[in-house]
């Protein structure tokens, strides 16, 4: 027998709740492992919650709300239960910050905005060293 197909409305809700979970986790500057240890699940499970692959139970939602010091309704804010749509946009998703990748990428692909940080004295020193 095949598995029962998932309800598309519940998938939309799970994605909405997962996005809200990810946003508050990043706002509090926590990694997935720290959040997972607080509610006694693995970090892989937190990844699944944030992607919307798995839905949060009411108990876990309450535990997370207590941990993040928010109301349980925080996770459902912006979701319309009449037509099962989320009011979150792509811009509402906070970017994941991984310092190792950021430093590595900055060396390979310098940020053009950081060129303004180079002072005139640094440029003059570089010119003198080239002329010699």
C-alpha atoms as a PDB file:
ATOM      1  CA  UNK A   1       0.000   0.000   0.000  1.00  0.00           C
ATOM      2  CA  UNK A   2       1.129   3.509  -0.706  1.00  0.00           C
ATOM      3  CA  UNK A   3       1.240   6.243   1.881  1.00  0.00           C
ATOM      4  CA  UNK A   4      -1.722   8.537   2.275  1.00  0.00           C
ATOM      5  CA  UNK A   5      -1.173  11.723   0.227  1.00  0.00           C
ATOM      6  CA  UNK A   6      -0.600  14.865   2.255  1.00  0.00           C
ATOM      7  CA  UNK A   7      -3.197  17.599   2.273  1.00  0.00           C
ATOM      8  CA  UNK A   8      -1.858  20.596   0.280  1.00  0.00           C
ATOM      9  CA  UNK A   9      -3.412  22.994   2.787  1.00  0.00           C
ATOM     10  CA  UNK A  10      -1.503  21.424   5.672  1.00  0.00           C
ATOM     11  CA  UNK A  11       1.694  21.598   3.616  1.00  0.00           C
ATOM     12  CA  UNK A  12       1.157  25.341   3.107  1.00  0.00           C
ATOM     13  CA  UNK A  13       0.580  25.776   6.832  1.00  0.00           C
ATOM     14  CA  UNK A  14       3.693  23.744   7.716  1.00  0.00           C
ATOM     15  CA  UNK A  15       5.817  25.871   5.386  1.00  0.00           C
ATOM     16  CA  UNK A  16       4.411  29.047   6.957  1.00  0.00           C
ATOM     17  CA  UNK A  17       5.095  27.843  10.513  1.00  0.00           C
ATOM     18  CA  UNK A  18       8.562  26.644   9.482  1.00  0.00           C
ATOM     19  CA  UNK A  19       9.423  30.043   8.051  1.00  0.00           C
ATOM     20  CA  UNK A  20       8.293  31.753  11.247  1.00  0.00           C
ATOM     21  CA  UNK A  21      10.388  29.278  13.298  1.00  0.00           C
ATOM     22  CA  UNK A  22      13.451  29.920  11.164  1.00  0.00           C
ATOM     23  CA  UNK A  23      12.997  33.694  11.345  1.00  0.00           C
ATOM     24  CA  UNK A  24      12.774  33.795  15.124  1.00  0.00           C
ATOM     25  CA  UNK A  25      15.704  31.394  15.475  1.00  0.00           C
ATOM     26  CA  UNK A  26      17.874  33.642  13.307  1.00  0.00           C
ATOM     27  CA  UNK A  27      16.610  36.767  15.055  1.00  0.00           C
ATOM     28  CA  UNK A  28      17.756  35.289  18.373  1.00  0.00           C
ATOM     29  CA  UNK A  29      21.049  34.245  16.704  1.00  0.00           C
ATOM     30  CA  UNK A  30      20.702  30.567  17.562  1.00  0.00           C
ATOM     31  CA  UNK A  31      21.696  27.548  15.530  1.00  0.00           C
ATOM     32  CA  UNK A  32      19.446  24.579  14.861  1.00  0.00           C
ATOM     33  CA  UNK A  33      21.322  22.352  17.324  1.00  0.00           C
ATOM     34  CA  UNK A  34      20.677  24.726  20.230  1.00  0.00           C
ATOM     35  CA  UNK A  35      16.956  24.908  19.481  1.00  0.00           C
ATOM     36  CA  UNK A  36      16.791  21.138  19.014  1.00  0.00           C
ATOM     37  CA  UNK A  37      18.414  20.428  22.371  1.00  0.00           C
ATOM     38  CA  UNK A  38      15.898  22.693  24.110  1.00  0.00           C
ATOM     39  CA  UNK A  39      12.905  20.694  22.850  1.00  0.00           C
ATOM     40  CA  UNK A  40      14.645  17.271  22.820  1.00  0.00           C
ATOM     41  CA  UNK A  41      14.706  16.611  19.081  1.00  0.00           C
ATOM     42  CA  UNK A  42      17.559  16.361  16.588  1.00  0.00           C
ATOM     43  CA  UNK A  43      18.775  19.293  14.536  1.00  0.00           C
ATOM     44  CA  UNK A  44      17.656  17.352  11.450  1.00  0.00           C
ATOM     45  CA  UNK A  45      14.111  17.487  12.806  1.00  0.00           C
ATOM     46  CA  UNK A  46      14.410  21.268  13.216  1.00  0.00           C
ATOM     47  CA  UNK A  47      15.537  21.413   9.568  1.00  0.00           C
ATOM     48  CA  UNK A  48      12.422  19.477   8.545  1.00  0.00           C
ATOM     49  CA  UNK A  49      10.188  21.784  10.594  1.00  0.00           C
ATOM     50  CA  UNK A  50      11.774  24.876   9.042  1.00  0.00           C
ATOM     51  CA  UNK A  51      11.373  23.539   5.499  1.00  0.00           C
ATOM     52  CA  UNK A  52       7.791  22.511   6.161  1.00  0.00           C
ATOM     53  CA  UNK A  53       8.474  18.830   5.455  1.00  0.00           C
ATOM     54  CA  UNK A  54       7.152  17.940   8.920  1.00  0.00           C
ATOM     55  CA  UNK A  55       4.488  19.723  10.908  1.00  0.00           C
ATOM     56  CA  UNK A  56       4.924  20.915  14.483  1.00  0.00           C
ATOM     57  CA  UNK A  57       2.672  19.379  17.095  1.00  0.00           C
ATOM     58  CA  UNK A  58       0.791  21.699  19.421  1.00  0.00           C
ATOM     59  CA  UNK A  59       3.013  20.597  22.304  1.00  0.00           C
ATOM     60  CA  UNK A  60       6.239  21.377  20.431  1.00  0.00           C
ATOM     61  CA  UNK A  61       4.829  24.675  19.192  1.00  0.00           C
ATOM     62  CA  UNK A  62       4.058  25.588  22.803  1.00  0.00           C
ATOM     63  CA  UNK A  63       7.533  24.501  23.908  1.00  0.00           C
ATOM     64  CA  UNK A  64       9.150  26.616  21.203  1.00  0.00           C
ATOM     65  CA  UNK A  65       6.953  29.598  22.061  1.00  0.00           C
ATOM     66  CA  UNK A  66       8.048  29.301  25.694  1.00  0.00           C
ATOM     67  CA  UNK A  67      11.719  28.947  24.698  1.00  0.00           C
ATOM     68  CA  UNK A  68      11.625  31.976  22.381  1.00  0.00           C
ATOM     69  CA  UNK A  69       9.441  33.935  24.819  1.00  0.00           C
ATOM     70  CA  UNK A  70       6.662  34.585  22.297  1.00  0.00           C
ATOM     71  CA  UNK A  71       2.961  33.754  22.163  1.00  0.00           C
ATOM     72  CA  UNK A  72       1.970  30.513  20.443  1.00  0.00           C
ATOM     73  CA  UNK A  73      -0.017  32.649  18.016  1.00  0.00           C
ATOM     74  CA  UNK A  74       3.301  34.043  16.708  1.00  0.00           C
ATOM     75  CA  UNK A  75       3.675  30.928  14.550  1.00  0.00           C
ATOM     76  CA  UNK A  76       0.234  31.288  12.962  1.00  0.00           C
ATOM     77  CA  UNK A  77       0.271  35.066  12.446  1.00  0.00           C
ATOM     78  CA  UNK A  78      -0.049  35.935   8.783  1.00  0.00           C
ATOM     79  CA  UNK A  79      -1.728  32.683   7.746  1.00  0.00           C
ATOM     80  CA  UNK A  80      -5.250  32.905   6.353  1.00  0.00           C
ATOM     81  CA  UNK A  81      -7.230  29.805   7.341  1.00  0.00           C
ATOM     82  CA  UNK A  82     -10.149  30.709   5.051  1.00  0.00           C
ATOM     83  CA  UNK A  83      -8.224  30.221   1.820  1.00  0.00           C
ATOM     84  CA  UNK A  84      -5.071  28.596   3.269  1.00  0.00           C
ATOM     85  CA  UNK A  85      -2.602  31.199   2.087  1.00  0.00           C
ATOM     86  CA  UNK A  86       0.371  32.730   3.814  1.00  0.00           C
ATOM     87  CA  UNK A  87       1.005  36.460   3.823  1.00  0.00           C
ATOM     88  CA  UNK A  88       4.763  35.891   4.121  1.00  0.00           C
ATOM     89  CA  UNK A  89       6.762  36.928   1.083  1.00  0.00           C
ATOM     90  CA  UNK A  90      10.184  35.825  -0.036  1.00  0.00           C
ATOM     91  CA  UNK A  91      11.643  39.007   1.460  1.00  0.00           C
ATOM     92  CA  UNK A  92      10.284  37.980   4.871  1.00  0.00           C
ATOM     93  CA  UNK A  93      12.681  35.022   5.048  1.00  0.00           C
ATOM     94  CA  UNK A  94      15.821  35.947   6.938  1.00  0.00           C
ATOM     95  CA  UNK A  95      19.076  34.770   5.314  1.00  0.00           C
ATOM     96  CA  UNK A  96      21.073  32.096   7.088  1.00  0.00           C
ATOM     97  CA  UNK A  97      24.416  33.448   8.208  1.00  0.00           C
ATOM     98  CA  UNK A  98      27.316  31.028   8.176  1.00  0.00           C
ATOM     99  CA  UNK A  99      30.507  32.850   9.025  1.00  0.00           C
ATOM    100  CA  UNK A 100      32.810  30.203   7.527  1.00  0.00           C
ATOM    101  CA  UNK A 101      31.167  30.405   4.111  1.00  0.00           C
ATOM    102  CA  UNK A 102      30.983  34.173   4.302  1.00  0.00           C
ATOM    103  CA  UNK A 103      34.730  34.519   4.973  1.00  0.00           C
ATOM    104  CA  UNK A 104      35.603  31.928   2.328  1.00  0.00           C
ATOM    105  CA  UNK A 105      33.417  33.611  -0.276  1.00  0.00           C
ATOM    106  CA  UNK A 106      34.760  37.071   0.585  1.00  0.00           C
ATOM    107  CA  UNK A 107      38.285  35.857  -0.230  1.00  0.00           C
ATOM    108  CA  UNK A 108      37.231  34.333  -3.538  1.00  0.00           C
ATOM    109  CA  UNK A 109      34.787  37.040  -4.548  1.00  0.00           C
ATOM    110  CA  UNK A 110      35.644  40.342  -2.858  1.00  0.00           C
ATOM    111  CA  UNK A 111      32.697  42.507  -1.958  1.00  0.00           C
ATOM    112  CA  UNK A 112      32.834  45.581  -4.209  1.00  0.00           C
ATOM    113  CA  UNK A 113      31.274  47.638  -1.423  1.00  0.00           C
ATOM    114  CA  UNK A 114      34.289  46.930   0.796  1.00  0.00           C
ATOM    115  CA  UNK A 115      36.637  48.718  -1.589  1.00  0.00           C
ATOM    116  CA  UNK A 116      35.539  52.016  -0.072  1.00  0.00           C
ATOM    117  CA  UNK A 117      37.153  50.900   3.177  1.00  0.00           C
ATOM    118  CA  UNK A 118      40.608  51.202   1.617  1.00  0.00           C
ATOM    119  CA  UNK A 119      42.126  54.442   2.789  1.00  0.00           C
ATOM    120  CA  UNK A 120      44.213  56.787   0.657  1.00  0.00           C
ATOM    121  CA  UNK A 121      47.270  56.153   2.820  1.00  0.00           C
ATOM    122  CA  UNK A 122      47.014  52.425   2.104  1.00  0.00           C
ATOM    123  CA  UNK A 123      46.902  53.146  -1.642  1.00  0.00           C
ATOM    124  CA  UNK A 124      49.888  55.483  -1.392  1.00  0.00           C
ATOM    125  CA  UNK A 125      51.884  52.802   0.453  1.00  0.00           C
ATOM    126  CA  UNK A 126      51.022  50.266  -2.237  1.00  0.00           C
ATOM    127  CA  UNK A 127      52.131  52.674  -4.999  1.00  0.00           C
ATOM    128  CA  UNK A 128      55.454  53.312  -3.236  1.00  0.00           C
ATOM    129  CA  UNK A 129      56.115  49.595  -2.841  1.00  0.00           C
ATOM    130  CA  UNK A 130      55.393  49.027  -6.551  1.00  0.00           C
ATOM    131  CA  UNK A 131      57.659  51.900  -7.654  1.00  0.00           C
ATOM    132  CA  UNK A 132      60.614  50.553  -5.692  1.00  0.00           C
END
